Structure formats: C-alpha cells, structure tokens
Amino acid sequence: MHYDCLIVGSGHGGAQAATSLRQHGFQGTIGVLSEDRDAPYERPPLSKDYLLGGKTFDRILIRPADFWASRNIDLLLGNKVIKVDASNMQVLCANGATVSYGHLVWAAGGRPRRISCPGHDLQGIHAVRTRSDVDRLVEDLARAERVVVVGGGYIGLEAAAALTKLGKTVTIVEALNRVLARVAAEPLSRFYEREHRDHGVEIRLETSVESFIGSDGRLTGVMLQDGAILPADIAIVGIGIVPCVEPLIAAGAAGNDGVDVDEFCRTSLPHVFAIGDCARVRSAHGLRIESVQNAHDQATAFAKTLCGELTPYRATPWFWSNQYDLRLQTVGLSAGFDGTLVRGDPNTRSFSIVYLREGAVIALDCINCVRDYVEGRLLVERGARIGAHILADSSIRLKSLVA
C-alpha cells in the first residue's frame, strides 16, 4: 500500500490531521494507521462520562462513523507500526504489512507507564488510556468495592471522583508530598486534597507501592513502602505515559522522552512530522504537551503547512479537568514559575491561581471561574507584568488589565 500522507495514530491529533488536510484542499491519498481497533474517539470522557455510563461509545466518536469514507480517508485499524524505514519512506507493521508514504505524520501518542513491582501482572490492575482499558475496568467494577488509585495526577483524581460517584471506597496513593505536584502550585494541590477527602476519598502521600498482593491470580491488596497494606479489589495505575516513539528514534529521529519537532511540527527525518502527546515542541520550552488542544492545533498547523501555507505552531496551551462539581480550566504553561498568587477565596470553590515568572504572567488555573480563564488568556499571551496586589484583587476584572 502507498499513501501520499500516512498518519500513524488515530487519537485527537491523527484524526484532526486527516480532517484538516481535506479541509485545506489536500487531494492526495490519506491513510490513518492505528493500533487501536476503534474509529477515532475522544479520550477525556473515558475517565469521566464513559466510565460512569453517562455517554455511550457512539457519543464520544470524534466524527460520525461514515465521515472518514466520505472524505476518502482510509482507516487502517488494528495495525501496530514496529519499524520506520526513512530512507525508503515506508513503515513495517507487526502483521508483516508494509506501507509506503509521501509524507509521514507520527501521532501515536503514548502508552500508560507501568509499575514493575512484584504482583504487577495480577488481574484487577488497570490503566485508563483507551476504550478497551475502560471497558475492562467497568466489567471489573461490577464486583468491586475497594479501589486503590496509584498516582495523584489528573487521571488519578478524575478516576477517584468518578468511582466515588459509583459508591466505591477509594484510596489515592501518591509518592510525592501532595497531589498534582508536577503540574500545579501547592494551593491547588491542597484544595483538591480537601475536596477529595470531603467526598470520602483517603489520600496517602509520600509513599509508593512496594508490591501488589493477590490470591489465585487476582488482586486482593496493595502493600505500600511504609509497610501498610490496603485491601483492594481493583487498582488503577495513573502515573503518566511513555511516548510511543521507539520506531522513529530507531530510524534516526532526534528526541528524548518524545521526538523533537520544530515550529512546523517537522522531525529531523525528511518528510516526517510528529504531533500530539509524543512530540517535544522546541517553541514550547522543549516540552511534550499532553492535551487535546495541543494535538488539535498542531495537526491543523501541520495540515496548512503541507498544503502550502507555511504555518508555525504558536497556540497558547489550555487544559481542563472535571472532578465532582468542579471545573478546572488552565491556560498557559506553568513550568518554571517562580511565584504564584491566589485570586478569590478557595473556600467559596470559585477562585484562580496566577503563575508568574520574573514578574510576568505565564499561566492561570481557574476553578469554577470561567471569567478569569477567558480574560486571563491575553495576559498570558502578552506576558503581562502587573503588580501582585492588583492581580490578587478579584474585584478587578482581568480584562481591564490587558492594556
């Protein structure tokens, strides 16, 4: 097989890349090759609405089932790429099939980071990354009451909130001294710790999993490094992802913890692009940005570039997380912040945290505070420098500070 543009990965980035190519007039053949066996679907609802049964699978499809064929986009599902031959411009799949390309877009995302401690292969230990992951989890939940969530990041917290709604007894185990320690300032961490505890979730900080304990091949408990044993019918491991880039790196692409791309999403290999969770963007401080927005906007920038409209990726990152009745909206990248301030009172459950670096606004976390999120974007984009006492005054509209 040959495609003028071959896209590896059917997540948000891969799906948007194919869609944008057609929207911007690309007339060549397009193939979307994916290890996933399902048509492209949204990932964020998996740990929330889909897990809770609030949305069926057809309601989280990125496009209707007949969309892809109507746009002459071939979905090559259930195929895993194991090798990239950049010299001959082709990829090799695990089933032995070879597909050649004119341009290759790597949008393979990442796979859940696994725990290698004793007992890691017991039945009842789950990840939350794909539809099949969640389907297996839902099936197990029918006979489970006690759940241990390993990892206090957004995936872990969202899963804990969803399971609490299902009436499960939930314990979160986090190795660091607070939840969200890698992505947020302490005030946000402590706020979410209080919220989860108020909803009955137990949180164990500064300890990690020593081993998983089982009987007849099935999980019965989790032993922590401090010696405590937590009874568990199910464990959910949410400790981040490993970018799926091994075939690209083996082919000679530059990268470490992902594949390096320039502002046009180009890798160091000719005619090879990378987008989404697996791409380290030079213009974003060399970070991998794991968000739907990033994958979507990179895909659009790539498509415009391939169609002759050279378009650098310079979008302002944004993220969101839903837990209980709390909606967190983040704009900007807080990495490297050297100061924070809080707008509003966290006790009201509607407030914002502003992140500063050398006096400039670089990001905001807004909890049930849509106005700050919308108005604060321009402050982030302009790197505004405003007195802390003014920024902290929630009676002052952020839009009035833009000038």
Protein backbone atom coordinates (compact mmCIF):
# COMPACT_ATOMS: atom_id res chain seq x y z
CA MET A 1 0.00 0.00 0.00
CA HIS A 2 1.03 3.59 -0.55
CA TYR A 3 -0.41 6.85 0.77
CA ASP A 4 0.55 10.37 -0.15
CA CYS A 5 0.10 11.14 3.55
CA LEU A 6 0.25 8.34 6.09
CA ILE A 7 -0.81 9.18 9.64
CA VAL A 8 0.22 6.84 12.45
CA GLY A 9 -2.22 7.18 15.34
CA SER A 10 -5.99 7.71 15.44
CA GLY A 11 -6.31 9.88 18.54
CA HIS A 12 -7.20 13.56 18.52
CA GLY A 13 -4.03 14.54 16.66
CA GLY A 14 -4.23 11.90 13.97
CA ALA A 15 -7.93 12.41 13.38
CA GLN A 16 -7.57 16.18 13.16
CA ALA A 17 -4.57 15.91 10.83
CA ALA A 18 -6.59 13.87 8.34
CA THR A 19 -9.63 16.13 8.67
CA SER A 20 -7.60 19.35 8.30
CA LEU A 21 -5.79 18.07 5.21
CA ARG A 22 -9.12 17.67 3.43
CA GLN A 23 -10.42 20.99 4.77
CA HIS A 24 -7.37 22.77 3.31
CA GLY A 25 -7.60 21.17 -0.10
CA PHE A 26 -5.23 18.22 0.06
CA GLN A 27 -6.09 16.00 -2.90
CA GLY A 28 -3.71 13.09 -2.29
CA THR A 29 -4.47 9.76 -0.66
CA ILE A 30 -4.67 9.68 3.15
CA GLY A 31 -4.34 6.67 5.42
CA VAL A 32 -4.74 6.62 9.20
CA LEU A 33 -2.91 3.61 10.61
CA SER A 34 -3.58 2.81 14.25
CA GLU A 35 -3.02 0.09 16.81
CA ASP A 36 -6.47 0.94 18.19
CA ARG A 37 -9.30 -1.12 16.69
CA ASP A 38 -11.95 1.58 17.10
CA ALA A 39 -12.67 4.55 14.86
CA PRO A 40 -11.25 7.83 16.27
CA TYR A 41 -12.87 8.79 19.58
CA GLU A 42 -12.46 11.38 22.32
CA ARG A 43 -10.14 10.38 25.17
CA PRO A 44 -11.04 12.83 28.02
CA PRO A 45 -14.54 11.35 28.61
CA LEU A 46 -13.06 7.91 29.23
CA SER A 47 -12.18 8.67 32.85
CA LYS A 48 -15.46 10.52 33.45
CA ASP A 49 -18.69 10.24 31.43
CA TYR A 50 -17.83 6.99 29.64
CA LEU A 51 -16.63 5.32 32.84
CA LEU A 52 -19.81 6.38 34.64
CA GLY A 53 -22.06 5.28 31.78
CA GLY A 54 -23.22 8.83 31.09
CA LYS A 55 -22.08 8.61 27.47
CA THR A 56 -22.18 5.62 25.16
CA PHE A 57 -19.29 5.00 22.77
CA ASP A 58 -21.10 6.42 19.74
CA ARG A 59 -21.44 9.73 21.61
CA ILE A 60 -17.68 10.10 22.06
CA LEU A 61 -16.74 9.43 18.44
CA ILE A 62 -14.74 12.35 17.05
CA ARG A 63 -16.66 12.10 13.77
CA PRO A 64 -19.71 10.10 12.67
CA ALA A 65 -18.90 6.57 11.50
CA ASP A 66 -19.41 7.38 7.80
CA PHE A 67 -17.32 10.58 7.85
CA TRP A 68 -13.98 9.00 7.00
CA ALA A 69 -15.06 7.16 3.88
CA SER A 70 -16.97 10.23 2.69
CA ARG A 71 -13.69 12.19 2.77
CA ASN A 72 -11.67 9.40 1.12
CA ILE A 73 -9.70 8.79 4.30
CA ASP A 74 -8.76 5.15 4.88
CA LEU A 75 -8.79 3.91 8.48
CA LEU A 76 -6.24 1.11 8.82
CA LEU A 77 -7.18 -0.05 12.31
CA GLY A 78 -5.66 -2.78 14.44
CA ASN A 79 -2.19 -2.24 12.97
CA LYS A 80 0.89 -1.54 15.05
CA VAL A 81 3.95 0.04 13.42
CA ILE A 82 7.15 -1.66 14.55
CA LYS A 83 9.66 -0.10 12.16
CA VAL A 84 10.12 3.09 10.14
CA ASP A 85 12.38 2.94 7.08
CA ALA A 86 13.03 6.62 6.46
CA SER A 87 15.35 6.01 3.51
CA ASN A 88 12.73 4.06 1.55
CA MET A 89 9.84 6.06 3.04
CA GLN A 90 7.84 3.16 4.37
CA VAL A 91 6.68 1.60 7.64
CA LEU A 92 6.50 -2.02 8.68
CA CYS A 93 3.55 -3.29 10.73
CA ALA A 94 3.53 -6.09 13.30
CA ASN A 95 1.40 -8.22 10.96
CA GLY A 96 4.10 -8.03 8.26
CA ALA A 97 2.37 -5.44 6.08
CA THR A 98 4.46 -2.66 4.56
CA VAL A 99 3.00 0.77 3.82
CA SER A 100 4.91 3.44 1.89
CA TYR A 101 4.31 7.16 2.18
CA GLY A 102 4.97 10.53 0.60
CA HIS A 103 4.70 12.24 3.99
CA LEU A 104 4.52 10.56 7.38
CA VAL A 105 2.74 12.09 10.39
CA TRP A 106 3.56 10.42 13.72
CA ALA A 107 0.63 10.91 16.08
CA ALA A 108 0.97 7.69 18.07
CA GLY A 109 0.61 9.37 21.47
CA GLY A 110 1.75 7.37 24.47
CA ARG A 111 1.07 4.24 26.46
CA PRO A 112 0.43 4.11 30.22
CA ARG A 113 3.57 3.96 32.34
CA ARG A 114 3.61 0.61 34.10
CA ILE A 115 4.69 -0.37 37.60
CA SER A 116 7.27 -3.17 37.63
CA CYS A 117 6.94 -4.13 41.31
CA PRO A 118 6.00 -7.68 42.40
CA GLY A 119 2.41 -8.56 41.57
CA HIS A 120 2.09 -6.03 38.74
CA ASP A 121 0.57 -8.68 36.46
CA LEU A 122 -2.31 -9.67 38.76
CA GLN A 123 -5.84 -9.48 37.43
CA GLY A 124 -7.65 -6.37 38.63
CA ILE A 125 -4.88 -3.86 37.91
CA HIS A 126 -5.98 -1.32 35.31
CA ALA A 127 -4.88 1.70 33.30
CA VAL A 128 -7.18 4.36 31.83
CA ARG A 129 -5.97 5.24 28.35
CA THR A 130 -8.14 3.54 25.72
CA ARG A 131 -11.73 2.47 25.31
CA SER A 132 -10.76 -1.17 25.84
CA ASP A 133 -8.97 -0.19 29.08
CA VAL A 134 -12.15 1.37 30.44
CA ASP A 135 -14.40 -1.43 29.18
CA ARG A 136 -12.30 -3.93 31.15
CA LEU A 137 -12.39 -1.66 34.20
CA VAL A 138 -16.18 -1.27 34.04
CA GLU A 139 -16.57 -5.04 33.84
CA ASP A 140 -14.37 -5.48 36.92
CA LEU A 141 -16.13 -2.73 38.88
CA ALA A 142 -19.34 -4.71 38.95
CA ARG A 143 -17.81 -6.97 41.63
CA ALA A 144 -15.51 -4.46 43.35
CA GLU A 145 -16.00 -2.23 46.37
CA ARG A 146 -12.47 -1.14 47.36
CA VAL A 147 -10.30 0.67 44.83
CA VAL A 148 -6.72 1.90 45.17
CA VAL A 149 -5.69 4.62 42.72
CA VAL A 150 -1.92 4.81 42.24
CA GLY A 151 -0.93 8.35 41.23
CA GLY A 152 -2.28 11.72 42.27
CA GLY A 153 -2.23 13.40 38.85
CA TYR A 154 -5.28 14.45 36.87
CA ILE A 155 -6.09 10.95 35.58
CA GLY A 156 -5.92 9.52 39.09
CA LEU A 157 -8.01 12.30 40.62
CA GLU A 158 -10.64 12.15 37.87
CA ALA A 159 -10.92 8.39 38.23
CA ALA A 160 -11.23 8.73 42.01
CA ALA A 161 -14.03 11.28 41.64
CA ALA A 162 -15.90 9.06 39.17
CA LEU A 163 -15.55 5.94 41.33
CA THR A 164 -16.74 7.83 44.38
CA LYS A 165 -19.92 8.68 42.48
CA LEU A 166 -20.36 4.94 41.92
CA GLY A 167 -20.21 4.40 45.68
CA LYS A 168 -16.79 2.76 45.75
CA THR A 169 -14.34 3.10 48.64
CA VAL A 170 -11.34 4.86 47.14
CA THR A 171 -7.77 5.41 48.34
CA ILE A 172 -5.24 7.50 46.40
CA VAL A 173 -1.54 6.68 46.79
CA GLU A 174 0.89 9.46 45.77
CA ALA A 175 4.68 9.23 46.06
CA LEU A 176 5.21 12.99 46.41
CA ASN A 177 4.11 15.21 49.29
CA ARG A 178 0.99 16.48 47.52
CA VAL A 179 -1.28 15.62 44.62
CA LEU A 180 -0.71 17.39 41.28
CA ALA A 181 2.81 18.22 42.47
CA ARG A 182 4.29 18.02 38.98
CA VAL A 183 1.77 20.29 37.29
CA ALA A 184 0.34 22.76 39.79
CA ALA A 185 1.19 25.03 42.71
CA GLU A 186 0.60 23.96 46.29
CA PRO A 187 -2.64 25.95 46.85
CA LEU A 188 -4.34 23.98 44.06
CA SER A 189 -2.98 20.68 45.39
CA ARG A 190 -4.24 21.33 48.91
CA PHE A 191 -7.62 22.46 47.59
CA TYR A 192 -8.15 19.21 45.68
CA GLU A 193 -6.90 17.12 48.60
CA ARG A 194 -9.56 18.73 50.82
CA GLU A 195 -12.27 18.21 48.20
CA HIS A 196 -11.50 14.55 47.73
CA ARG A 197 -11.30 13.92 51.47
CA ASP A 198 -14.63 15.70 51.91
CA HIS A 199 -16.06 13.19 49.43
CA GLY A 200 -14.72 10.26 51.42
CA VAL A 201 -11.51 9.55 49.50
CA GLU A 202 -8.49 8.57 51.58
CA ILE A 203 -5.20 10.09 50.37
CA ARG A 204 -1.83 8.57 51.26
CA LEU A 205 1.04 10.96 50.49
CA GLU A 206 4.82 10.42 50.42
CA THR A 207 4.56 6.69 49.97
CA SER A 208 4.53 4.39 46.96
CA VAL A 209 3.62 0.83 46.06
CA GLU A 210 6.01 -1.87 47.31
CA SER A 211 4.01 -4.73 45.83
CA PHE A 212 0.57 -5.89 44.78
CA ILE A 213 -0.85 -8.78 46.79
CA GLY A 214 -3.11 -11.40 45.28
CA SER A 215 -4.87 -14.70 45.67
CA ASP A 216 -5.45 -17.17 42.81
CA GLY A 217 -4.01 -14.66 40.38
CA ARG A 218 -6.30 -11.81 41.39
CA LEU A 219 -5.55 -8.61 43.30
CA THR A 220 -6.56 -8.53 46.97
CA GLY A 221 -4.40 -5.74 48.36
CA VAL A 222 -1.67 -3.17 47.88
CA MET A 223 1.40 -3.09 50.11
CA LEU A 224 2.98 0.35 50.48
CA GLN A 225 6.62 1.19 51.12
CA ASP A 226 5.77 2.23 54.67
CA GLY A 227 4.50 -1.31 55.35
CA ALA A 228 0.79 -0.51 55.28
CA ILE A 229 -1.45 -2.94 53.41
CA LEU A 230 -4.53 -1.52 51.69
CA PRO A 231 -7.29 -4.04 50.91
CA ALA A 232 -8.19 -3.68 47.24
CA ASP A 233 -10.47 -5.38 44.73
CA ILE A 234 -9.16 -3.16 41.94
CA ALA A 235 -6.16 -0.89 41.42
CA ILE A 236 -5.93 1.87 38.84
CA VAL A 237 -2.44 2.97 37.89
CA GLY A 238 -2.22 6.53 36.61
CA ILE A 239 1.44 7.57 36.79
CA GLY A 240 1.85 9.18 33.40
CA ILE A 241 2.59 7.94 29.90
CA VAL A 242 5.58 6.77 27.91
CA PRO A 243 5.61 8.38 24.43
CA CYS A 244 5.31 5.81 21.64
CA VAL A 245 8.26 6.90 19.51
CA GLU A 246 10.63 3.92 19.51
CA PRO A 247 10.33 3.19 15.76
CA LEU A 248 11.02 6.86 14.94
CA ILE A 249 14.01 7.10 17.25
CA ALA A 250 15.40 3.84 15.88
CA ALA A 251 15.06 5.31 12.39
CA GLY A 252 17.29 8.23 13.41
CA ALA A 253 14.84 10.90 14.56
CA ALA A 254 16.20 13.23 17.23
CA GLY A 255 14.48 13.04 20.59
CA ASN A 256 14.46 12.04 24.23
CA ASP A 257 11.24 11.37 26.12
CA GLY A 258 9.44 12.01 22.85
CA VAL A 259 10.51 13.10 19.37
CA ASP A 260 11.83 16.62 18.78
CA VAL A 261 9.91 18.84 16.34
CA ASP A 262 10.34 22.40 15.14
CA GLU A 263 7.65 25.08 14.98
CA PHE A 264 6.24 23.42 11.84
CA CYS A 265 6.00 20.00 13.57
CA ARG A 266 8.85 18.61 11.46
CA THR A 267 11.14 15.94 12.89
CA SER A 268 14.80 15.61 11.92
CA LEU A 269 13.81 12.94 9.36
CA PRO A 270 12.85 14.10 5.85
CA HIS A 271 9.10 14.18 5.12
CA VAL A 272 8.31 13.05 8.68
CA PHE A 273 6.21 15.14 11.09
CA ALA A 274 5.13 14.48 14.68
CA ILE A 275 2.22 15.93 16.65
CA GLY A 276 0.42 15.47 19.94
CA ASP A 277 1.48 13.81 23.18
CA CYS A 278 4.62 12.24 21.69
CA ALA A 279 6.11 15.48 20.24
CA ARG A 280 8.57 17.71 22.11
CA VAL A 281 7.95 21.19 20.78
CA ARG A 282 11.01 23.44 20.54
CA SER A 283 8.84 26.57 20.75
CA ALA A 284 7.21 25.33 24.00
CA HIS A 285 10.43 25.18 26.03
CA GLY A 286 11.17 21.70 24.68
CA LEU A 287 8.15 20.20 26.44
CA ARG A 288 5.72 17.50 25.49
CA ILE A 289 2.27 18.98 25.94
CA GLU A 290 -0.31 16.32 26.72
CA SER A 291 -3.64 17.90 25.85
CA VAL A 292 -6.41 17.71 23.27
CA GLN A 293 -5.86 21.35 22.35
CA ASN A 294 -2.19 20.79 21.62
CA ALA A 295 -2.83 17.75 19.43
CA HIS A 296 -5.64 19.51 17.59
CA ASP A 297 -3.76 22.76 16.95
CA GLN A 298 -0.54 21.04 15.94
CA ALA A 299 -2.48 18.90 13.48
CA THR A 300 -4.08 21.98 11.95
CA ALA A 301 -0.73 23.78 11.67
CA PHE A 302 0.82 20.72 10.02
CA ALA A 303 -2.02 20.40 7.52
CA LYS A 304 -1.77 24.05 6.48
CA THR A 305 1.98 23.69 6.03
CA LEU A 306 1.65 20.57 3.88
CA CYS A 307 -0.97 22.33 1.77
CA GLY A 308 1.41 25.20 1.02
CA GLU A 309 0.51 27.67 3.78
CA LEU A 310 3.63 27.57 5.96
CA THR A 311 2.09 27.82 9.45
CA PRO A 312 4.15 27.70 12.65
CA TYR A 313 2.55 26.22 15.75
CA ARG A 314 2.25 29.05 18.28
CA ALA A 315 -1.00 28.34 20.06
CA THR A 316 -1.45 29.17 23.73
CA PRO A 317 -1.90 25.83 25.54
CA TRP A 318 -5.06 25.20 27.53
CA PHE A 319 -6.29 22.26 29.56
CA TRP A 320 -9.27 21.26 31.67
CA SER A 321 -10.28 18.75 34.33
CA ASN A 322 -13.72 17.89 35.71
CA GLN A 323 -13.96 16.43 39.23
CA TYR A 324 -17.23 16.32 41.16
CA ASP A 325 -18.89 19.70 40.50
CA LEU A 326 -15.52 21.41 39.99
CA ARG A 327 -14.33 22.52 36.56
CA LEU A 328 -10.67 23.41 36.38
CA GLN A 329 -9.57 25.38 33.32
CA THR A 330 -5.89 26.13 32.76
CA VAL A 331 -4.37 28.50 30.24
CA GLY A 332 -0.62 28.73 29.60
CA LEU A 333 2.29 26.63 30.82
CA SER A 334 3.25 26.99 34.47
CA ALA A 335 6.57 25.13 34.11
CA GLY A 336 9.40 27.16 35.61
CA PHE A 337 7.17 29.51 37.63
CA ASP A 338 8.85 31.38 40.46
CA GLY A 339 5.79 32.95 42.05
CA THR A 340 2.04 32.46 42.48
CA LEU A 341 -0.91 34.37 43.84
CA VAL A 342 -4.50 33.44 44.54
CA ARG A 343 -7.48 35.45 43.23
CA GLY A 344 -10.57 34.88 45.32
CA ASP A 345 -11.27 32.57 48.24
CA PRO A 346 -10.76 28.81 47.75
CA ASN A 347 -13.40 28.22 50.44
CA THR A 348 -16.01 29.54 48.00
CA ARG A 349 -14.87 26.88 45.50
CA SER A 350 -14.52 29.57 42.84
CA PHE A 351 -11.05 31.10 42.55
CA SER A 352 -7.95 31.34 40.36
CA ILE A 353 -4.22 30.86 40.78
CA VAL A 354 -1.93 33.09 38.74
CA TYR A 355 1.58 31.83 37.89
CA LEU A 356 4.46 34.27 37.45
CA ARG A 357 7.99 34.01 36.12
CA GLU A 358 10.26 37.02 36.67
CA GLY A 359 7.13 39.08 37.25
CA ALA A 360 5.38 38.06 34.01
CA VAL A 361 2.06 36.18 33.93
CA ILE A 362 2.68 32.76 32.34
CA ALA A 363 -0.39 30.71 33.31
CA LEU A 364 -3.67 30.61 35.26
CA ASP A 365 -5.52 27.77 36.95
CA CYS A 366 -9.20 28.72 37.23
CA ILE A 367 -11.57 26.65 39.34
CA ASN A 368 -15.25 27.32 38.61
CA CYS A 369 -14.12 30.74 37.40
CA VAL A 370 -14.71 30.93 33.66
CA ARG A 371 -14.40 34.72 33.58
CA ASP A 372 -10.80 34.69 34.81
CA TYR A 373 -9.96 31.89 32.37
CA VAL A 374 -11.33 33.78 29.37
CA GLU A 375 -9.98 37.19 30.35
CA GLY A 376 -6.63 35.91 31.60
CA ARG A 377 -5.62 34.42 28.25
CA LEU A 378 -4.43 37.77 26.89
CA LEU A 379 -2.34 38.38 29.99
CA VAL A 380 -0.59 35.04 29.38
CA GLU A 381 -0.13 35.67 25.65
CA ARG A 382 1.41 39.09 26.30
CA GLY A 383 3.46 38.06 29.33
CA ALA A 384 1.84 40.94 31.21
CA ARG A 385 3.65 42.40 34.22
CA ILE A 386 1.17 43.69 36.77
CA GLY A 387 1.50 44.40 40.47
CA ALA A 388 0.74 41.35 42.59
CA HIS A 389 -1.70 43.26 44.81
CA ILE A 390 -3.72 44.22 41.72
CA LEU A 391 -3.70 40.72 40.22
CA ALA A 392 -4.80 39.25 43.54
CA ASP A 393 -7.81 41.60 43.82
CA SER A 394 -10.67 39.52 42.41
CA SER A 395 -12.92 42.59 42.28
CA ILE A 396 -10.73 43.89 39.41
CA ARG A 397 -11.62 42.36 36.05
CA LEU A 398 -8.59 40.87 34.33
CA LYS A 399 -9.70 42.27 31.00
CA SER A 400 -9.22 45.76 32.45
CA LEU A 401 -5.52 44.95 32.97
CA VAL A 402 -4.75 43.87 29.42
CA ALA A 403 -3.73 47.33 28.25
